[in-house]
C-alpha atoms as a PDB file:
ATOM      1  CA  MET A   1     -65.137 -11.876 -11.064  1.00  0.00           C
ATOM      2  CA  GLY A   2     -63.314  -9.249  -9.242  1.00  0.00           C
ATOM      3  CA  ALA A   3     -64.206 -10.946  -5.602  1.00  0.00           C
ATOM      4  CA  ARG A   4     -62.358 -13.986  -6.832  1.00  0.00           C
ATOM      5  CA  ARG A   5     -59.260 -12.339  -8.080  1.00  0.00           C
ATOM      6  CA  ARG A   6     -59.028 -10.533  -4.701  1.00  0.00           C
ATOM      7  CA  LYS A   7     -60.080 -13.964  -2.449  1.00  0.00           C
ATOM      8  CA  ARG A   8     -57.028 -15.655  -5.439  1.00  0.00           C
ATOM      9  CA  ALA A   9     -54.800 -12.893  -4.028  1.00  0.00           C
ATOM     10  CA  ALA A  10     -54.892 -13.353  -0.393  1.00  0.00           C
ATOM     11  CA  ARG A  11     -54.605 -16.973  -0.664  1.00  0.00           C
ATOM     12  CA  ASP A  12     -51.698 -16.738  -2.768  1.00  0.00           C
ATOM     13  CA  PRO A  13     -49.804 -13.943  -2.395  1.00  0.00           C
ATOM     14  CA  GLU A  14     -46.118 -14.810  -4.019  1.00  0.00           C
ATOM     15  CA  GLU A  15     -48.366 -15.910  -7.677  1.00  0.00           C
ATOM     16  CA  GLY A  16     -48.493 -11.921  -8.366  1.00  0.00           C
ATOM     17  CA  ILE A  17     -45.195 -11.023  -8.084  1.00  0.00           C
ATOM     18  CA  PRO A  18     -43.629  -8.850 -11.275  1.00  0.00           C
ATOM     19  CA  SER A  19     -40.651 -10.528 -11.756  1.00  0.00           C
ATOM     20  CA  PRO A  20     -38.104 -10.031 -14.786  1.00  0.00           C
ATOM     21  CA  PRO A  21     -38.371 -12.804 -16.850  1.00  0.00           C
ATOM     22  CA  GLY A  22     -36.129 -15.785 -15.894  1.00  0.00           C
ATOM     23  CA  TYR A  23     -36.118 -14.841 -12.675  1.00  0.00           C
ATOM     24  CA  SER A  24     -37.368 -15.817  -9.128  1.00  0.00           C
ATOM     25  CA  ALA A  25     -38.647 -13.615  -6.878  1.00  0.00           C
ATOM     26  CA  ILE A  26     -37.410 -13.519  -2.793  1.00  0.00           C
ATOM     27  CA  PRO A  27     -39.068 -11.717  -0.313  1.00  0.00           C
ATOM     28  CA  ILE A  28     -37.013 -10.129   2.118  1.00  0.00           C
ATOM     29  CA  LYS A  29     -38.293  -7.556   5.019  1.00  0.00           C
ATOM     30  CA  PHE A  30     -35.680  -5.383   6.788  1.00  0.00           C
ATOM     31  CA  SER A  31     -37.320  -6.217  10.511  1.00  0.00           C
ATOM     32  CA  GLU A  32     -40.422  -8.325  11.931  1.00  0.00           C
ATOM     33  CA  LYS A  33     -41.695  -4.743  12.213  1.00  0.00           C
ATOM     34  CA  GLN A  34     -42.077  -4.034   8.629  1.00  0.00           C
ATOM     35  CA  GLN A  35     -45.051  -4.913   6.643  1.00  0.00           C
ATOM     36  CA  ALA A  36     -43.995  -4.705   2.887  1.00  0.00           C
ATOM     37  CA  SER A  37     -41.753  -6.801   1.541  1.00  0.00           C
ATOM     38  CA  HIS A  38     -38.276  -6.290  -0.830  1.00  0.00           C
ATOM     39  CA  TYR A  39     -38.291  -8.786  -3.489  1.00  0.00           C
ATOM     40  CA  LEU A  40     -34.616  -9.912  -4.624  1.00  0.00           C
ATOM     41  CA  TYR A  41     -34.553 -11.348  -8.098  1.00  0.00           C
ATOM     42  CA  VAL A  42     -32.534 -14.622  -9.012  1.00  0.00           C
ATOM     43  CA  ARG A  43     -31.264 -16.837 -11.342  1.00  0.00           C
ATOM     44  CA  GLU A  44     -28.931 -18.901 -12.207  1.00  0.00           C
ATOM     45  CA  HIS A  45     -25.069 -17.463 -13.774  1.00  0.00           C
ATOM     46  CA  ARG A  46     -24.981 -18.133 -17.416  1.00  0.00           C
ATOM     47  CA  VAL A  47     -23.503 -16.854 -20.444  1.00  0.00           C
ATOM     48  CA  ARG A  48     -23.374 -17.333 -24.426  1.00  0.00           C
ATOM     49  CA  GLU A  49     -21.506 -20.044 -25.689  1.00  0.00           C
ATOM     50  CA  GLY A  50     -17.986 -18.416 -26.240  1.00  0.00           C
ATOM     51  CA  THR A  51     -17.744 -15.919 -23.937  1.00  0.00           C
ATOM     52  CA  LYS A  52     -15.586 -16.779 -20.903  1.00  0.00           C
ATOM     53  CA  SER A  53     -16.531 -15.869 -17.417  1.00  0.00           C
ATOM     54  CA  THR A  54     -14.640 -16.587 -14.050  1.00  0.00           C
ATOM     55  CA  TRP A  55     -17.607 -17.030 -11.797  1.00  0.00           C
ATOM     56  CA  PRO A  56     -18.640 -20.936 -11.243  1.00  0.00           C
ATOM     57  CA  GLN A  57     -20.916 -22.382 -13.609  1.00  0.00           C
ATOM     58  CA  LYS A  58     -23.826 -24.641 -12.066  1.00  0.00           C
ATOM     59  CA  ARG A  59     -22.961 -22.835  -8.725  1.00  0.00           C
ATOM     60  CA  THR A  60     -23.071 -19.197  -8.820  1.00  0.00           C
ATOM     61  CA  LEU A  61     -26.285 -17.200  -8.195  1.00  0.00           C
ATOM     62  CA  PHE A  62     -27.324 -14.301  -9.653  1.00  0.00           C
ATOM     63  CA  VAL A  63     -28.926 -11.649  -7.846  1.00  0.00           C
ATOM     64  CA  LEU A  64     -30.673  -8.457  -8.685  1.00  0.00           C
ATOM     65  CA  ASN A  65     -32.315  -5.578  -6.882  1.00  0.00           C
ATOM     66  CA  VAL A  66     -29.959  -5.927  -3.501  1.00  0.00           C
ATOM     67  CA  PRO A  67     -30.822  -3.091  -1.291  1.00  0.00           C
ATOM     68  CA  PRO A  68     -28.416  -0.717   0.299  1.00  0.00           C
ATOM     69  CA  TYR A  69     -28.436  -2.254   3.951  1.00  0.00           C
ATOM     70  CA  CYS A  70     -28.024  -5.903   2.673  1.00  0.00           C
ATOM     71  CA  THR A  71     -24.382  -6.020   2.867  1.00  0.00           C
ATOM     72  CA  GLU A  72     -22.635  -9.443   1.947  1.00  0.00           C
ATOM     73  CA  GLU A  73     -22.192 -10.952   5.606  1.00  0.00           C
ATOM     74  CA  CYS A  74     -25.843 -10.378   5.636  1.00  0.00           C
ATOM     75  CA  LEU A  75     -26.316 -11.896   2.031  1.00  0.00           C
ATOM     76  CA  SER A  76     -24.306 -14.830   2.674  1.00  0.00           C
ATOM     77  CA  ARG A  77     -26.869 -15.439   6.309  1.00  0.00           C
ATOM     78  CA  LEU A  78     -30.398 -15.129   4.163  1.00  0.00           C
ATOM     79  CA  LEU A  79     -29.016 -17.690   1.768  1.00  0.00           C
ATOM     80  CA  SER A  80     -26.501 -19.912   3.720  1.00  0.00           C
ATOM     81  CA  THR A  81     -29.876 -22.095   4.499  1.00  0.00           C
ATOM     82  CA  CYS A  82     -29.671 -23.591   0.916  1.00  0.00           C
ATOM     83  CA  GLY A  83     -26.199 -24.821   1.605  1.00  0.00           C
ATOM     84  CA  PRO A  84     -22.526 -23.701   1.993  1.00  0.00           C
ATOM     85  CA  ILE A  85     -21.513 -20.758   0.342  1.00  0.00           C
ATOM     86  CA  GLN A  86     -18.053 -20.431  -1.080  1.00  0.00           C
ATOM     87  CA  SER A  87     -18.596 -16.255  -1.476  1.00  0.00           C
ATOM     88  CA  VAL A  88     -20.483 -13.605  -1.703  1.00  0.00           C
ATOM     89  CA  GLU A  89     -19.561 -10.118  -3.742  1.00  0.00           C
ATOM     90  CA  LEU A  90     -21.493  -7.481  -4.535  1.00  0.00           C
ATOM     91  CA  GLN A  91     -20.761  -5.373  -7.786  1.00  0.00           C
ATOM     92  CA  GLU A  92     -22.663  -1.733  -9.050  1.00  0.00           C
ATOM     93  CA  LYS A  93     -23.192  -3.722 -12.332  1.00  0.00           C
ATOM     94  CA  PRO A  94     -22.637  -7.164 -13.803  1.00  0.00           C
ATOM     95  CA  ASP A  95     -19.415  -8.293 -14.836  1.00  0.00           C
ATOM     96  CA  LEU A  96     -18.216 -11.366 -15.805  1.00  0.00           C
ATOM     97  CA  ALA A  97     -14.846 -11.879 -14.343  1.00  0.00           C
ATOM     98  CA  GLU A  98     -14.276 -11.695 -10.336  1.00  0.00           C
ATOM     99  CA  SER A  99     -12.823  -8.760  -9.054  1.00  0.00           C
ATOM    100  CA  PRO A 100      -9.142  -9.706  -7.778  1.00  0.00           C
ATOM    101  CA  LYS A 101      -8.950 -10.684  -4.124  1.00  0.00           C
ATOM    102  CA  GLU A 102      -6.618  -8.460  -1.917  1.00  0.00           C
ATOM    103  CA  PRO A 103      -6.244  -8.803   1.874  1.00  0.00           C
ATOM    104  CA  LYS A 104      -9.115  -6.863   3.782  1.00  0.00           C
ATOM    105  CA  SER A 105      -8.048  -3.748   5.632  1.00  0.00           C
ATOM    106  CA  LYS A 106      -9.707  -2.909   9.058  1.00  0.00           C
ATOM    107  CA  PHE A 107      -8.560   0.924   8.256  1.00  0.00           C
ATOM    108  CA  PHE A 108      -8.457   1.081   4.310  1.00  0.00           C
ATOM    109  CA  HIS A 109     -12.170   0.338   2.543  1.00  0.00           C
ATOM    110  CA  PRO A 110     -13.080   0.492  -0.886  1.00  0.00           C
ATOM    111  CA  LYS A 111     -15.488   3.382  -1.835  1.00  0.00           C
ATOM    112  CA  PRO A 112     -19.776   1.896  -1.295  1.00  0.00           C
ATOM    113  CA  VAL A 113     -21.399   1.498  -3.524  1.00  0.00           C
ATOM    114  CA  PRO A 114     -24.568   4.425  -3.401  1.00  0.00           C
ATOM    115  CA  GLY A 115     -27.601   2.711  -4.252  1.00  0.00           C
ATOM    116  CA  PHE A 116     -29.322  -0.691  -4.814  1.00  0.00           C
ATOM    117  CA  GLN A 117     -26.194  -3.223  -6.425  1.00  0.00           C
ATOM    118  CA  VAL A 118     -26.380  -6.741  -7.678  1.00  0.00           C
ATOM    119  CA  ALA A 119     -24.726  -9.853  -6.169  1.00  0.00           C
ATOM    120  CA  TYR A 120     -22.819 -12.624  -7.235  1.00  0.00           C
ATOM    121  CA  VAL A 121     -23.603 -15.946  -4.615  1.00  0.00           C
ATOM    122  CA  VAL A 122     -21.278 -19.244  -5.392  1.00  0.00           C
ATOM    123  CA  PHE A 123     -22.338 -22.208  -3.710  1.00  0.00           C
ATOM    124  CA  GLN A 124     -19.689 -25.138  -2.974  1.00  0.00           C
ATOM    125  CA  LYS A 125     -22.272 -27.419  -4.284  1.00  0.00           C
ATOM    126  CA  PRO A 126     -24.719 -27.133  -7.493  1.00  0.00           C
ATOM    127  CA  GLY A 127     -27.587 -27.975  -5.109  1.00  0.00           C
ATOM    128  CA  GLY A 128     -27.491 -25.047  -3.021  1.00  0.00           C
ATOM    129  CA  MET A 129     -27.820 -22.988  -6.355  1.00  0.00           C
ATOM    130  CA  LEU A 130     -31.056 -24.721  -6.971  1.00  0.00           C
ATOM    131  CA  ALA A 131     -32.305 -24.250  -3.790  1.00  0.00           C
ATOM    132  CA  ALA A 132     -32.371 -20.759  -3.903  1.00  0.00           C
ATOM    133  CA  LEU A 133     -34.024 -20.622  -7.012  1.00  0.00           C
ATOM    134  CA  THR A 134     -37.073 -22.145  -5.199  1.00  0.00           C
ATOM    135  CA  MET A 135     -36.321 -20.221  -1.989  1.00  0.00           C
ATOM    136  CA  LYS A 136     -39.782 -19.165   0.004  1.00  0.00           C
ATOM    137  CA  GLY A 137     -39.809 -15.919   2.426  1.00  0.00           C
ATOM    138  CA  PRO A 138     -40.109 -13.412   3.385  1.00  0.00           C
ATOM    139  CA  LEU A 139     -36.200 -13.230   5.175  1.00  0.00           C
ATOM    140  CA  LEU A 140     -35.906 -11.178   7.810  1.00  0.00           C
ATOM    141  CA  VAL A 141     -32.412  -8.965   7.325  1.00  0.00           C
ATOM    142  CA  SER A 142     -32.141  -7.403  11.048  1.00  0.00           C
ATOM    143  CA  THR A 143     -32.832 -10.002  13.823  1.00  0.00           C
ATOM    144  CA  GLU A 144     -32.417 -10.085  17.472  1.00  0.00           C
ATOM    145  CA  SER A 145     -29.022 -12.516  17.258  1.00  0.00           C
ATOM    146  CA  HIS A 146     -27.963 -10.275  14.071  1.00  0.00           C
ATOM    147  CA  PRO A 147     -29.055  -6.747  14.309  1.00  0.00           C
ATOM    148  CA  VAL A 148     -28.148  -4.436  11.305  1.00  0.00           C
ATOM    149  CA  LYS A 149     -27.742  -0.664  12.289  1.00  0.00           C
ATOM    150  CA  THR A 150     -29.566   2.198  10.996  1.00  0.00           C
ATOM    151  CA  GLY A 151     -30.078   5.631  10.914  1.00  0.00           C
ATOM    152  CA  ILE A 152     -28.019   7.617  13.777  1.00  0.00           C
ATOM    153  CA  HIS A 153     -26.445   4.251  15.658  1.00  0.00           C
ATOM    154  CA  LYS A 154     -24.786   3.281  12.508  1.00  0.00           C
ATOM    155  CA  TRP A 155     -23.435   7.381  11.474  1.00  0.00           C
ATOM    156  CA  ILE A 156     -22.040   6.850  15.039  1.00  0.00           C
ATOM    157  CA  SER A 157     -20.767   3.310  14.594  1.00  0.00           C
ATOM    158  CA  ASP A 158     -18.813   4.547  11.487  1.00  0.00           C
ATOM    159  CA  TYR A 159     -17.455   7.462  13.369  1.00  0.00           C
ATOM    160  CA  ALA A 160     -16.115   5.082  15.591  1.00  0.00           C
ATOM    161  CA  ASP A 161     -14.622   2.957  12.760  1.00  0.00           C
ATOM    162  CA  SER A 162     -12.812   5.637  11.126  1.00  0.00           C
ATOM    163  CA  LEU A 163     -10.891   6.771  14.163  1.00  0.00           C
ATOM    164  CA  PRO A 164      -8.508   3.926  13.860  1.00  0.00           C
ATOM    165  CA  ASP A 165      -5.825   3.083  16.080  1.00  0.00           C
ATOM    166  CA  PRO A 166      -2.284   4.246  15.643  1.00  0.00           C
ATOM    167  CA  GLU A 167      -0.194   1.549  16.346  1.00  0.00           C
ATOM    168  CA  ALA A 168      -2.354  -1.615  14.690  1.00  0.00           C
ATOM    169  CA  LEU A 169      -2.216   1.051  11.769  1.00  0.00           C
ATOM    170  CA  ARG A 170       1.729   0.809  11.913  1.00  0.00           C
ATOM    171  CA  VAL A 171       1.591  -2.500  12.238  1.00  0.00           C
ATOM    172  CA  GLU A 172      -0.273  -2.803   8.763  1.00  0.00           C
ATOM    173  CA  VAL A 173       1.346  -0.613   6.874  1.00  0.00           C
ATOM    174  CA  ASP A 174       4.458  -2.149   7.771  1.00  0.00           C
ATOM    175  CA  THR A 175       3.072  -5.487   6.446  1.00  0.00           C
ATOM    176  CA  PHE A 176       1.920  -4.125   3.188  1.00  0.00           C
ATOM    177  CA  MET A 177       5.203  -1.927   2.418  1.00  0.00           C
ATOM    178  CA  GLU A 178       7.349  -5.607   3.547  1.00  0.00           C
ATOM    179  CA  ALA A 179       4.818  -7.195   0.988  1.00  0.00           C
ATOM    180  CA  TYR A 180       5.203  -4.746  -1.486  1.00  0.00           C
ATOM    181  CA  ASP A 181       9.366  -4.453  -1.197  1.00  0.00           C
ATOM    182  CA  GLN A 182       9.122  -8.646  -1.442  1.00  0.00           C
ATOM    183  CA  LYS A 183       7.300  -8.169  -4.667  1.00  0.00           C
ATOM    184  CA  ILE A 184       8.941  -5.419  -6.721  1.00  0.00           C
ATOM    185  CA  ALA A 185      12.607  -7.293  -5.532  1.00  0.00           C
ATOM    186  CA  GLU A 186      11.176 -10.716  -7.124  1.00  0.00           C
ATOM    187  CA  GLU A 187      10.039  -8.949 -10.101  1.00  0.00           C
ATOM    188  CA  GLU A 188      13.375  -6.427 -10.613  1.00  0.00           C
ATOM    189  CA  ALA A 189      14.851 -10.416 -10.153  1.00  0.00           C
ATOM    190  CA  LYS A 190      13.155 -11.770 -12.555  1.00  0.00           C
ATOM    191  CA  ALA A 191      13.838  -9.218 -15.055  1.00  0.00           C
ATOM    192  CA  LYS A 192      17.569  -9.108 -14.334  1.00  0.00           C
ATOM    193  CA  GLU A 193      17.612 -13.130 -15.403  1.00  0.00           C
ATOM    194  CA  GLU A 194      15.515 -12.329 -18.496  1.00  0.00           C
ATOM    195  CA  ASP A 195      17.613  -9.381 -19.358  1.00  0.00           C
ATOM    196  CA  GLY A 196      19.674 -10.205 -22.664  1.00  0.00           C
ATOM    197  CA  VAL A 197      18.453 -13.568 -22.582  1.00  0.00           C
ATOM    198  CA  PRO A 198      17.140 -14.738 -25.892  1.00  0.00           C
ATOM    199  CA  ASP A 199      13.409 -16.782 -25.772  1.00  0.00           C
ATOM    200  CA  GLU A 200      12.855 -19.772 -28.138  1.00  0.00           C
ATOM    201  CA  GLU A 201      13.002 -17.755 -31.356  1.00  0.00           C
ATOM    202  CA  GLY A 202      15.843 -16.130 -30.838  1.00  0.00           C
ATOM    203  CA  TRP A 203      14.441 -12.882 -29.925  1.00  0.00           C
ATOM    204  CA  VAL A 204      15.948 -10.435 -26.517  1.00  0.00           C
ATOM    205  CA  LYS A 205      13.893  -8.736 -24.290  1.00  0.00           C
ATOM    206  CA  VAL A 206      14.254  -5.466 -24.173  1.00  0.00           C
ATOM    207  CA  THR A 207      13.907  -4.221 -20.374  1.00  0.00           C
ATOM    208  CA  ARG A 208      14.071  -1.002 -18.763  1.00  0.00           C
ATOM    209  CA  ARG A 209      17.480  -2.323 -17.257  1.00  0.00           C
ATOM    210  CA  GLY A 210      20.590  -0.657 -18.696  1.00  0.00           C
ATOM    211  CA  ARG A 211      24.297   0.039 -18.576  1.00  0.00           C
ATOM    212  CA  ARG A 212      23.523   3.549 -17.471  1.00  0.00           C
ATOM    213  CA  PRO A 213      20.730   4.340 -14.561  1.00  0.00           C
ATOM    214  CA  VAL A 214      18.163   6.640 -15.218  1.00  0.00           C
ATOM    215  CA  LEU A 215      18.098   9.829 -14.052  1.00  0.00           C
ATOM    216  CA  PRO A 216      16.030  10.013 -10.914  1.00  0.00           C
ATOM    217  CA  ARG A 217      12.407  11.974 -10.762  1.00  0.00           C
ATOM    218  CA  THR A 218      13.036  14.290  -7.860  1.00  0.00           C
ATOM    219  CA  GLU A 219      12.615  17.627  -7.603  1.00  0.00           C
ATOM    220  CA  ALA A 220      15.993  18.491  -7.459  1.00  0.00           C
ATOM    221  CA  ALA A 221      16.788  16.854 -10.322  1.00  0.00           C
ATOM    222  CA  SER A 222      14.313  18.383 -12.268  1.00  0.00           C
ATOM    223  CA  LEU A 223      15.477  21.737 -11.418  1.00  0.00           C
ATOM    224  CA  ARG A 224      18.893  20.809 -12.363  1.00  0.00           C
ATOM    225  CA  VAL A 225      17.381  19.615 -15.910  1.00  0.00           C
ATOM    226  CA  LEU A 226      16.190  22.906 -16.261  1.00  0.00           C
ATOM    227  CA  GLU A 227      18.937  25.221 -15.326  1.00  0.00           C
ATOM    228  CA  ARG A 228      21.035  23.262 -17.534  1.00  0.00           C
ATOM    229  CA  GLU A 229      18.556  23.606 -20.813  1.00  0.00           C
ATOM    230  CA  LYS A 230      18.258  27.277 -19.891  1.00  0.00           C
ATOM    231  CA  ARG A 231      21.936  27.861 -20.314  1.00  0.00           C
ATOM    232  CA  LYS A 232      21.713  25.913 -23.390  1.00  0.00           C
ATOM    233  CA  ARG A 233      18.871  28.436 -25.161  1.00  0.00           C
ATOM    234  CA  ALA A 234      20.966  31.349 -23.367  1.00  0.00           C
ATOM    235  CA  ARG A 235      23.902  30.172 -25.479  1.00  0.00           C
ATOM    236  CA  LYS A 236      21.950  29.753 -28.550  1.00  0.00           C
ATOM    237  CA  GLU A 237      20.772  33.462 -28.052  1.00  0.00           C
ATOM    238  CA  LEU A 238      22.036  36.220 -31.041  1.00  0.00           C
ATOM    239  CA  LEU A 239      24.263  38.660 -29.138  1.00  0.00           C
ATOM    240  CA  ASN A 240      23.850  42.077 -30.880  1.00  0.00           C
ATOM    241  CA  PHE A 241      21.246  40.512 -33.697  1.00  0.00           C
ATOM    242  CA  TYR A 242      19.263  44.173 -33.372  1.00  0.00           C
ATOM    243  CA  ALA A 243      20.832  47.770 -33.338  1.00  0.00           C
ATOM    244  CA  TRP A 244      19.038  48.438 -30.438  1.00  0.00           C
ATOM    245  CA  GLN A 245      21.636  45.885 -28.766  1.00  0.00           C
ATOM    246  CA  HIS A 246      24.521  46.860 -30.442  1.00  0.00           C
ATOM    247  CA  ARG A 247      24.215  50.456 -29.182  1.00  0.00           C
ATOM    248  CA  GLU A 248      24.047  49.031 -25.344  1.00  0.00           C
ATOM    249  CA  SER A 249      26.406  46.755 -25.912  1.00  0.00           C
ATOM    250  CA  GLN A 250      28.630  49.463 -27.307  1.00  0.00           C
ATOM    251  CA  MET A 251      27.679  52.245 -24.189  1.00  0.00           C
ATOM    252  CA  GLU A 252      27.950  49.628 -21.386  1.00  0.00           C
ATOM    253  CA  HIS A 253      31.920  48.742 -22.831  1.00  0.00           C
ATOM    254  CA  LEU A 254      32.175  52.667 -22.590  1.00  0.00           C
ATOM    255  CA  ALA A 255      31.213  52.782 -19.227  1.00  0.00           C
ATOM    256  CA  GLN A 256      33.218  49.879 -18.076  1.00  0.00           C
ATOM    257  CA  LEU A 257      36.163  51.704 -19.501  1.00  0.00           C
ATOM    258  CA  ARG A 258      35.683  54.980 -17.831  1.00  0.00           C
ATOM    259  CA  LYS A 259      35.355  52.793 -14.298  1.00  0.00           C
ATOM    260  CA  LYS A 260      38.232  51.197 -15.234  1.00  0.00           C
ATOM    261  CA  PHE A 261      39.754  54.228 -15.964  1.00  0.00           C
ATOM    262  CA  GLU A 262      39.160  56.404 -12.343  1.00  0.00           C
ATOM    263  CA  GLU A 263      40.470  53.351 -11.189  1.00  0.00           C
ATOM    264  CA  ASP A 264      43.815  53.267 -12.390  1.00  0.00           C
ATOM    265  CA  LYS A 265      43.707  57.471 -11.842  1.00  0.00           C
ATOM    266  CA  GLN A 266      43.318  56.525  -7.918  1.00  0.00           C
ATOM    267  CA  ARG A 267      45.774  54.078  -7.968  1.00  0.00           C
ATOM    268  CA  ILE A 268      48.367  56.256  -9.643  1.00  0.00           C
ATOM    269  CA  GLU A 269      47.934  59.187  -7.341  1.00  0.00           C
ATOM    270  CA  LEU A 270      48.142  56.463  -4.338  1.00  0.00           C
ATOM    271  CA  MET A 271      51.076  55.354  -5.268  1.00  0.00           C
ATOM    272  CA  ARG A 272      52.544  59.103  -5.792  1.00  0.00           C
ATOM    273  CA  ALA A 273      51.910  60.059  -2.157  1.00  0.00           C
ATOM    274  CA  GLN A 274      53.592  56.751  -0.720  1.00  0.00           C
ATOM    275  CA  ARG A 275      57.078  57.734  -2.486  1.00  0.00           C
ATOM    276  CA  LYS A 276      59.763  59.017  -0.347  1.00  0.00           C
ATOM    277  CA  PHE A 277      63.008  60.243  -1.096  1.00  0.00           C
ATOM    278  CA  ARG A 278      65.586  57.942  -0.193  1.00  0.00           C
ATOM    279  CA  PRO A 279      69.477  58.974  -1.707  1.00  0.00           C
ATOM    280  CA  TYR A 280      71.018  56.625   1.321  1.00  0.00           C
END
């Protein structure tokens, strides 16, 4: 009995692949030298009735157990034999909505997700997704025509990519700021048009725009506000409320009177010394 099972496993090695219920297993290998296979578990992306999802139905393939060395470009290349692919997106955990599409930058990259990930592969036609469910392997991730760097070679490549060209970086930053300024200007123009205009039900939308401009939140403006508040608190403080405050104020007043008396005496002596007898 044991020999039969071993022969059957040797004849059909893929029959004994453990996989979650409802998933199909696709074996992949990093390279030809690797003997053991890694398995991707795939199924059609479906949601319950009444649940909204931005992923296209009947064209989206949900992939589990994607290894860290398998990038979006690599996964797209592996599954491209099933049919033309519209998009591939890697995520840390399953999500019903696509992440917002932002223009890719050569210098600013999102923080990579450590460890294994999930992927959403959107095909252009439903037939591509169905073909991916019946795919046989193993598929090679790193080939001679498409090598995948690992180890010290990957570290060297990542370090070289982290040193940007100053001129190219300036151009990209200027382009981003121009698009951002244009977006802010459009929002301000739209808010100005809606300011004070009633809607269909007669309600007037209250915006941030007003007759009096808002105080700019700068360091100098904040210091002026703090100084103004300090002066207000000083005016509100009660003078000579305690006995020791009254005694100190009297002593200060007497000291000022003595000082003024001495100054007056010196001024009178000086005037007397400068007086001269002039009968004619």
